[in-house]
Amino acid sequence: MPKSRSRQRRTSRPYAAPPPKKKPKASPSWYGYVVLGIIALGVLVIVLNYANFLLPGGTQQHWLWIGLAMIAAGFIAATRWR
């Protein structure tokens, strides 16, 4: 009876190595100033609204929401800072 061939064992892995992770690109130097400026502008809108100074229409609720949205946008931008 003929002898059957035995399986050859692989010496390498059956899958490829994962590609190396790319290092995230650093933010420009002005990015931090823009983030702080957006947050400060939001605070300024809220303060000017309640001081009833320079904003048209007197103290109104939509100025509060605009100021809070600007502050939130500043915090979201701050999470993207590298």
N, C-alpha and C. Protein backbone atom coordinates (compact mmCIF):
# COMPACT_ATOMS: atom_id res chain seq x y z
N MET A 1 0.84 -1.16 0.00
CA MET A 1 0.00 0.00 0.00
C MET A 1 0.89 1.24 0.00
N PRO A 2 0.54 2.24 -0.83
CA PRO A 2 1.38 3.43 -0.89
C PRO A 2 1.25 4.27 0.37
N LYS A 3 2.31 4.92 0.71
CA LYS A 3 2.34 5.76 1.90
C LYS A 3 1.78 7.15 1.56
N SER A 4 0.85 7.62 2.38
CA SER A 4 0.25 8.94 2.12
C SER A 4 1.21 10.04 2.55
N ARG A 5 1.03 11.16 1.87
CA ARG A 5 1.89 12.29 2.22
C ARG A 5 1.39 12.93 3.50
N SER A 6 2.30 13.34 4.32
CA SER A 6 1.91 14.02 5.56
C SER A 6 1.82 15.52 5.29
N ARG A 7 1.06 16.21 6.11
CA ARG A 7 0.91 17.66 5.96
C ARG A 7 2.19 18.37 6.32
N GLN A 8 2.43 19.40 5.56
CA GLN A 8 3.57 20.25 5.86
C GLN A 8 3.11 21.33 6.83
N ARG A 9 3.85 21.54 7.86
CA ARG A 9 3.50 22.60 8.82
C ARG A 9 4.03 23.93 8.34
N ARG A 10 3.19 24.94 8.51
CA ARG A 10 3.62 26.29 8.13
C ARG A 10 4.53 26.86 9.21
N THR A 11 5.55 27.52 8.76
CA THR A 11 6.45 28.16 9.72
C THR A 11 6.07 29.61 9.96
N SER A 12 5.31 30.18 9.03
CA SER A 12 4.89 31.57 9.21
C SER A 12 3.43 31.61 9.66
N ARG A 13 3.01 32.76 10.10
CA ARG A 13 1.63 32.92 10.55
C ARG A 13 0.68 32.95 9.35
N PRO A 14 -0.54 32.49 9.53
CA PRO A 14 -1.48 32.50 8.41
C PRO A 14 -2.06 33.88 8.13
N TYR A 15 -1.79 34.85 8.96
CA TYR A 15 -2.32 36.19 8.76
C TYR A 15 -1.16 37.18 8.78
N ALA A 16 -1.40 38.31 8.17
CA ALA A 16 -0.36 39.34 8.09
C ALA A 16 -0.35 40.16 9.38
N ALA A 17 0.77 40.74 9.66
CA ALA A 17 0.90 41.60 10.84
C ALA A 17 0.10 42.88 10.61
N PRO A 18 -0.52 43.43 11.66
CA PRO A 18 -1.29 44.66 11.47
C PRO A 18 -0.37 45.82 11.10
N PRO A 19 -0.88 46.74 10.30
CA PRO A 19 -0.03 47.87 9.91
C PRO A 19 0.28 48.74 11.12
N PRO A 20 1.41 49.40 11.11
CA PRO A 20 1.75 50.25 12.26
C PRO A 20 0.77 51.42 12.36
N LYS A 21 0.47 51.82 13.59
CA LYS A 21 -0.47 52.92 13.81
C LYS A 21 0.21 54.24 13.46
N LYS A 22 -0.57 55.09 12.77
CA LYS A 22 -0.04 56.39 12.40
C LYS A 22 -0.17 57.35 13.56
N LYS A 23 0.84 58.14 13.75
CA LYS A 23 0.83 59.13 14.81
C LYS A 23 -0.01 60.33 14.35
N PRO A 24 -0.97 60.79 15.19
CA PRO A 24 -1.80 61.92 14.76
C PRO A 24 -0.98 63.19 14.58
N LYS A 25 -1.38 63.96 13.58
CA LYS A 25 -0.66 65.19 13.26
C LYS A 25 -0.96 66.23 14.33
N ALA A 26 0.05 66.98 14.72
CA ALA A 26 -0.11 68.01 15.74
C ALA A 26 -0.94 69.17 15.21
N SER A 27 -1.70 69.80 16.09
CA SER A 27 -2.51 70.96 15.72
C SER A 27 -1.61 72.17 15.49
N PRO A 28 -2.07 73.11 14.67
CA PRO A 28 -1.29 74.34 14.48
C PRO A 28 -1.20 75.13 15.78
N SER A 29 -0.23 75.99 15.86
CA SER A 29 0.00 76.73 17.11
C SER A 29 -1.14 77.70 17.43
N TRP A 30 -1.88 78.14 16.43
CA TRP A 30 -2.95 79.11 16.65
C TRP A 30 -4.25 78.45 17.11
N TYR A 31 -4.34 77.14 17.05
CA TYR A 31 -5.59 76.43 17.34
C TYR A 31 -6.05 76.64 18.78
N GLY A 32 -5.13 76.62 19.71
CA GLY A 32 -5.49 76.83 21.12
C GLY A 32 -6.06 78.21 21.37
N TYR A 33 -5.50 79.21 20.70
CA TYR A 33 -6.02 80.57 20.85
C TYR A 33 -7.43 80.70 20.29
N VAL A 34 -7.70 80.01 19.19
CA VAL A 34 -9.04 80.05 18.61
C VAL A 34 -10.05 79.39 19.54
N VAL A 35 -9.66 78.27 20.15
CA VAL A 35 -10.56 77.58 21.09
C VAL A 35 -10.88 78.49 22.27
N LEU A 36 -9.86 79.09 22.85
CA LEU A 36 -10.09 79.99 23.98
C LEU A 36 -10.90 81.21 23.57
N GLY A 37 -10.68 81.69 22.35
CA GLY A 37 -11.44 82.84 21.86
C GLY A 37 -12.92 82.52 21.70
N ILE A 38 -13.24 81.33 21.20
CA ILE A 38 -14.64 80.94 21.03
C ILE A 38 -15.33 80.84 22.39
N ILE A 39 -14.64 80.24 23.36
CA ILE A 39 -15.22 80.11 24.70
C ILE A 39 -15.40 81.49 25.33
N ALA A 40 -14.39 82.34 25.21
CA ALA A 40 -14.49 83.69 25.80
C ALA A 40 -15.59 84.50 25.12
N LEU A 41 -15.77 84.35 23.82
CA LEU A 41 -16.83 85.06 23.12
C LEU A 41 -18.21 84.59 23.58
N GLY A 42 -18.35 83.31 23.83
CA GLY A 42 -19.61 82.80 24.36
C GLY A 42 -19.92 83.35 25.74
N VAL A 43 -18.92 83.42 26.59
CA VAL A 43 -19.12 84.00 27.93
C VAL A 43 -19.46 85.48 27.81
N LEU A 44 -18.80 86.17 26.90
CA LEU A 44 -19.06 87.59 26.71
C LEU A 44 -20.49 87.84 26.23
N VAL A 45 -21.00 87.00 25.34
CA VAL A 45 -22.37 87.14 24.86
C VAL A 45 -23.35 86.97 26.02
N ILE A 46 -23.11 86.01 26.89
CA ILE A 46 -24.00 85.80 28.04
C ILE A 46 -23.94 86.97 29.00
N VAL A 47 -22.75 87.45 29.30
CA VAL A 47 -22.60 88.59 30.22
C VAL A 47 -23.24 89.84 29.65
N LEU A 48 -23.03 90.12 28.36
CA LEU A 48 -23.63 91.29 27.74
C LEU A 48 -25.15 91.18 27.68
N ASN A 49 -25.65 89.98 27.56
CA ASN A 49 -27.09 89.78 27.54
C ASN A 49 -27.69 90.17 28.90
N TYR A 50 -27.11 89.69 29.96
CA TYR A 50 -27.68 89.97 31.28
C TYR A 50 -27.34 91.36 31.79
N ALA A 51 -26.33 91.99 31.23
CA ALA A 51 -26.03 93.37 31.59
C ALA A 51 -26.89 94.32 30.77
N ASN A 52 -27.62 93.77 29.78
CA ASN A 52 -28.50 94.54 28.91
C ASN A 52 -27.70 95.64 28.20
N PHE A 53 -26.56 95.23 27.65
CA PHE A 53 -25.63 96.20 27.06
C PHE A 53 -25.18 95.70 25.69
N LEU A 54 -25.34 96.50 24.67
CA LEU A 54 -24.85 96.28 23.31
C LEU A 54 -25.57 95.20 22.50
N LEU A 55 -26.45 94.42 23.08
CA LEU A 55 -27.15 93.41 22.29
C LEU A 55 -28.54 93.93 21.96
N PRO A 56 -28.96 93.80 20.72
CA PRO A 56 -30.27 94.32 20.33
C PRO A 56 -31.41 93.54 20.97
N GLY A 57 -32.45 94.25 21.35
CA GLY A 57 -33.64 93.60 21.88
C GLY A 57 -33.65 93.39 23.38
N GLY A 58 -32.65 93.88 24.08
CA GLY A 58 -32.62 93.72 25.54
C GLY A 58 -32.29 92.29 25.94
N THR A 59 -32.62 91.95 27.17
CA THR A 59 -32.33 90.62 27.69
C THR A 59 -33.31 89.62 27.09
N GLN A 60 -32.76 88.69 26.31
CA GLN A 60 -33.60 87.68 25.67
C GLN A 60 -32.96 86.31 25.80
N GLN A 61 -33.82 85.32 25.76
CA GLN A 61 -33.37 83.95 25.99
C GLN A 61 -32.49 83.43 24.86
N HIS A 62 -32.75 83.83 23.64
CA HIS A 62 -31.96 83.28 22.54
C HIS A 62 -30.50 83.69 22.61
N TRP A 63 -30.17 84.83 23.22
CA TRP A 63 -28.76 85.20 23.40
C TRP A 63 -28.07 84.26 24.38
N LEU A 64 -28.80 83.80 25.38
CA LEU A 64 -28.24 82.81 26.31
C LEU A 64 -27.90 81.52 25.57
N TRP A 65 -28.80 81.05 24.73
CA TRP A 65 -28.57 79.81 23.99
C TRP A 65 -27.43 79.97 22.98
N ILE A 66 -27.32 81.14 22.38
CA ILE A 66 -26.21 81.38 21.45
C ILE A 66 -24.88 81.34 22.21
N GLY A 67 -24.83 81.98 23.37
CA GLY A 67 -23.61 81.96 24.19
C GLY A 67 -23.25 80.57 24.65
N LEU A 68 -24.24 79.79 25.08
CA LEU A 68 -23.98 78.42 25.51
C LEU A 68 -23.53 77.55 24.35
N ALA A 69 -24.10 77.77 23.17
CA ALA A 69 -23.67 77.01 21.98
C ALA A 69 -22.22 77.33 21.62
N MET A 70 -21.84 78.59 21.78
CA MET A 70 -20.45 78.96 21.48
C MET A 70 -19.48 78.31 22.48
N ILE A 71 -19.88 78.28 23.75
CA ILE A 71 -19.04 77.64 24.76
C ILE A 71 -18.92 76.14 24.47
N ALA A 72 -20.04 75.51 24.11
CA ALA A 72 -20.02 74.08 23.79
C ALA A 72 -19.15 73.81 22.56
N ALA A 73 -19.24 74.68 21.55
CA ALA A 73 -18.40 74.51 20.36
C ALA A 73 -16.92 74.64 20.72
N GLY A 74 -16.61 75.54 21.65
CA GLY A 74 -15.23 75.68 22.09
C GLY A 74 -14.72 74.43 22.80
N PHE A 75 -15.57 73.84 23.64
CA PHE A 75 -15.16 72.60 24.32
C PHE A 75 -15.02 71.43 23.35
N ILE A 76 -15.90 71.37 22.36
CA ILE A 76 -15.78 70.29 21.36
C ILE A 76 -14.50 70.48 20.56
N ALA A 77 -14.18 71.71 20.21
CA ALA A 77 -12.93 71.97 19.48
C ALA A 77 -11.72 71.66 20.36
N ALA A 78 -11.85 71.88 21.66
CA ALA A 78 -10.72 71.60 22.56
C ALA A 78 -10.41 70.10 22.64
N THR A 79 -11.42 69.25 22.44
CA THR A 79 -11.16 67.80 22.47
C THR A 79 -10.41 67.34 21.25
N ARG A 80 -10.41 68.14 20.18
CA ARG A 80 -9.69 67.79 18.95
C ARG A 80 -8.27 68.33 18.93
N TRP A 81 -7.86 69.02 19.98
CA TRP A 81 -6.53 69.62 20.02
C TRP A 81 -5.48 68.56 20.32
N ARG A 82 -4.44 68.50 19.53
CA ARG A 82 -3.36 67.52 19.72
C ARG A 82 -2.10 68.23 20.11
